[in-house]
Structures are given as structure tokens and as C-alpha cells.
């Protein structure tokens, strides 16, 4: 326990004195990649309005399991079906 304010550690004592610019650049690059992927996966307002889901390729994940429920992420192409055990288009 600290007896006075001068003995207590300051918040800045936990951070490095010199910034690690390479680490920050790597983090910014990773964040940029994630944002670009999210931007490309956006559903158009027309698809959202009419309840349509995008199409996915054979072998791609087409559903997701959350507890006992299974939600469809995309429609499999013609001739393929979504296997709800593997959660992929076959």
C-alpha cells in the first residue's frame, strides 16, 4: 500500500518511454486489412431488404453453429448443398 501520492506509480510508468514505431505500424497494417475485409463482405441493401444471402463457393463455410442453432451465412451454388454437420458447401 502506498502512503503518499508521490510514491504511487503513475499510469505513464507502465508504458515504454520511447514508442515502438515498428510495432505500431504492424498493428495499423493489421487493422487496415481487417477493415478492408469487412468492407468487402458488406451485404447490399437490396439483399438485406429481400432476405437474400450472398452465394458462396463449393468447400466454403456456408453456415455457423451457435449452441443448438444453425444460421445460414450464404447460399451454395447450383448442384451443391450446405452440409449442416460440416457447415460447408458440398
C-alpha atoms as a PDB file:
ATOM      1  CA  UNK A   1       0.000   0.000   0.000  1.00  0.00           C
ATOM      2  CA  UNK A   2       1.256   3.497  -0.839  1.00  0.00           C
ATOM      3  CA  UNK A   3       1.406   6.035   1.926  1.00  0.00           C
ATOM      4  CA  UNK A   4       1.552   9.167  -0.172  1.00  0.00           C
ATOM      5  CA  UNK A   5       0.713  10.343  -3.657  1.00  0.00           C
ATOM      6  CA  UNK A   6       4.396  10.739  -4.615  1.00  0.00           C
ATOM      7  CA  UNK A   7       5.068   7.023  -4.045  1.00  0.00           C
ATOM      8  CA  UNK A   8       2.166   5.746  -6.150  1.00  0.00           C
ATOM      9  CA  UNK A   9       3.060   4.597  -9.661  1.00  0.00           C
ATOM     10  CA  UNK A  10       1.871   6.857 -12.442  1.00  0.00           C
ATOM     11  CA  UNK A  11      -0.041   5.455 -15.386  1.00  0.00           C
ATOM     12  CA  UNK A  12       2.741   6.510 -17.742  1.00  0.00           C
ATOM     13  CA  UNK A  13       5.250   4.359 -15.795  1.00  0.00           C
ATOM     14  CA  UNK A  14       3.634   1.266 -17.324  1.00  0.00           C
ATOM     15  CA  UNK A  15       4.204   2.394 -20.914  1.00  0.00           C
ATOM     16  CA  UNK A  16       7.596   2.447 -22.650  1.00  0.00           C
ATOM     17  CA  UNK A  17       9.358   5.813 -22.725  1.00  0.00           C
ATOM     18  CA  UNK A  18      10.154   5.550 -26.448  1.00  0.00           C
ATOM     19  CA  UNK A  19       7.362   4.498 -28.797  1.00  0.00           C
ATOM     20  CA  UNK A  20       7.838   1.266 -30.741  1.00  0.00           C
ATOM     21  CA  UNK A  21       7.027   2.540 -34.223  1.00  0.00           C
ATOM     22  CA  UNK A  22       7.505  -0.797 -35.995  1.00  0.00           C
ATOM     23  CA  UNK A  23       5.001  -2.474 -33.670  1.00  0.00           C
ATOM     24  CA  UNK A  24       2.546   0.384 -34.171  1.00  0.00           C
ATOM     25  CA  UNK A  25       2.933   0.140 -37.961  1.00  0.00           C
ATOM     26  CA  UNK A  26       2.276  -3.610 -37.825  1.00  0.00           C
ATOM     27  CA  UNK A  27      -0.852  -3.053 -35.740  1.00  0.00           C
ATOM     28  CA  UNK A  28      -2.091  -0.338 -38.096  1.00  0.00           C
ATOM     29  CA  UNK A  29      -1.454  -2.600 -41.089  1.00  0.00           C
ATOM     30  CA  UNK A  30      -3.389  -5.455 -39.488  1.00  0.00           C
ATOM     31  CA  UNK A  31      -6.258  -3.114 -38.615  1.00  0.00           C
ATOM     32  CA  UNK A  32      -6.343  -1.831 -42.204  1.00  0.00           C
ATOM     33  CA  UNK A  33      -6.565  -5.420 -43.523  1.00  0.00           C
ATOM     34  CA  UNK A  34      -9.458  -6.236 -41.197  1.00  0.00           C
ATOM     35  CA  UNK A  35     -11.329  -3.085 -42.197  1.00  0.00           C
ATOM     36  CA  UNK A  36     -10.854  -3.859 -45.904  1.00  0.00           C
ATOM     37  CA  UNK A  37     -12.162  -7.416 -45.428  1.00  0.00           C
ATOM     38  CA  UNK A  38     -15.199  -6.142 -43.526  1.00  0.00           C
ATOM     39  CA  UNK A  39     -15.875  -3.552 -46.225  1.00  0.00           C
ATOM     40  CA  UNK A  40     -15.803  -6.202 -48.963  1.00  0.00           C
ATOM     41  CA  UNK A  41     -18.201  -8.500 -47.062  1.00  0.00           C
ATOM     42  CA  UNK A  42     -20.963  -5.930 -46.726  1.00  0.00           C
ATOM     43  CA  UNK A  43     -24.407  -7.037 -47.857  1.00  0.00           C
ATOM     44  CA  UNK A  44     -26.113  -4.747 -50.332  1.00  0.00           C
ATOM     45  CA  UNK A  45     -29.329  -3.030 -49.163  1.00  0.00           C
ATOM     46  CA  UNK A  46     -31.279  -4.942 -51.847  1.00  0.00           C
ATOM     47  CA  UNK A  47     -30.087  -8.312 -50.482  1.00  0.00           C
ATOM     48  CA  UNK A  48     -30.848  -7.221 -46.921  1.00  0.00           C
ATOM     49  CA  UNK A  49     -34.322  -5.937 -47.826  1.00  0.00           C
ATOM     50  CA  UNK A  50     -35.433  -9.095 -49.603  1.00  0.00           C
ATOM     51  CA  UNK A  51     -33.778 -11.519 -47.171  1.00  0.00           C
ATOM     52  CA  UNK A  52     -31.328 -12.903 -49.683  1.00  0.00           C
ATOM     53  CA  UNK A  53     -27.927 -14.133 -48.642  1.00  0.00           C
ATOM     54  CA  UNK A  54     -24.827 -13.977 -50.857  1.00  0.00           C
ATOM     55  CA  UNK A  55     -23.655 -17.065 -52.737  1.00  0.00           C
ATOM     56  CA  UNK A  56     -20.589 -18.992 -51.629  1.00  0.00           C
ATOM     57  CA  UNK A  57     -18.266 -21.409 -53.407  1.00  0.00           C
ATOM     58  CA  UNK A  58     -18.078 -25.182 -53.021  1.00  0.00           C
ATOM     59  CA  UNK A  59     -15.965 -26.037 -49.960  1.00  0.00           C
ATOM     60  CA  UNK A  60     -16.596 -22.652 -48.367  1.00  0.00           C
ATOM     61  CA  UNK A  61     -18.242 -22.298 -44.947  1.00  0.00           C
ATOM     62  CA  UNK A  62     -21.963 -21.748 -45.547  1.00  0.00           C
ATOM     63  CA  UNK A  63     -23.398 -21.940 -42.029  1.00  0.00           C
ATOM     64  CA  UNK A  64     -22.444 -21.235 -38.437  1.00  0.00           C
ATOM     65  CA  UNK A  65     -23.456 -23.065 -35.292  1.00  0.00           C
ATOM     66  CA  UNK A  66     -24.343 -21.148 -32.133  1.00  0.00           C
ATOM     67  CA  UNK A  67     -25.310 -23.643 -29.438  1.00  0.00           C
ATOM     68  CA  UNK A  68     -28.147 -25.767 -30.773  1.00  0.00           C
ATOM     69  CA  UNK A  69     -28.986 -23.283 -33.542  1.00  0.00           C
ATOM     70  CA  UNK A  70     -27.541 -23.144 -37.039  1.00  0.00           C
ATOM     71  CA  UNK A  71     -27.540 -19.947 -39.062  1.00  0.00           C
ATOM     72  CA  UNK A  72     -27.042 -19.805 -42.801  1.00  0.00           C
ATOM     73  CA  UNK A  73     -24.297 -17.426 -43.948  1.00  0.00           C
ATOM     74  CA  UNK A  74     -24.591 -17.878 -47.720  1.00  0.00           C
ATOM     75  CA  UNK A  75     -26.308 -19.959 -50.418  1.00  0.00           C
ATOM     76  CA  UNK A  76     -24.393 -22.779 -52.066  1.00  0.00           C
ATOM     77  CA  UNK A  77     -24.134 -22.747 -55.872  1.00  0.00           C
ATOM     78  CA  UNK A  78     -26.463 -24.815 -58.068  1.00  0.00           C
ATOM     79  CA  UNK A  79     -25.769 -28.540 -57.675  1.00  0.00           C
ATOM     80  CA  UNK A  80     -24.233 -28.133 -54.207  1.00  0.00           C
ATOM     81  CA  UNK A  81     -25.852 -28.145 -50.781  1.00  0.00           C
ATOM     82  CA  UNK A  82     -24.956 -26.850 -47.341  1.00  0.00           C
ATOM     83  CA  UNK A  83     -23.910 -29.772 -45.123  1.00  0.00           C
ATOM     84  CA  UNK A  84     -25.023 -28.763 -41.634  1.00  0.00           C
ATOM     85  CA  UNK A  85     -22.659 -31.263 -39.980  1.00  0.00           C
ATOM     86  CA  UNK A  86     -19.546 -29.907 -41.659  1.00  0.00           C
ATOM     87  CA  UNK A  87     -21.082 -26.411 -42.154  1.00  0.00           C
ATOM     88  CA  UNK A  88     -19.658 -26.307 -45.700  1.00  0.00           C
ATOM     89  CA  UNK A  89     -20.967 -26.382 -49.267  1.00  0.00           C
ATOM     90  CA  UNK A  90     -20.608 -29.851 -50.756  1.00  0.00           C
END
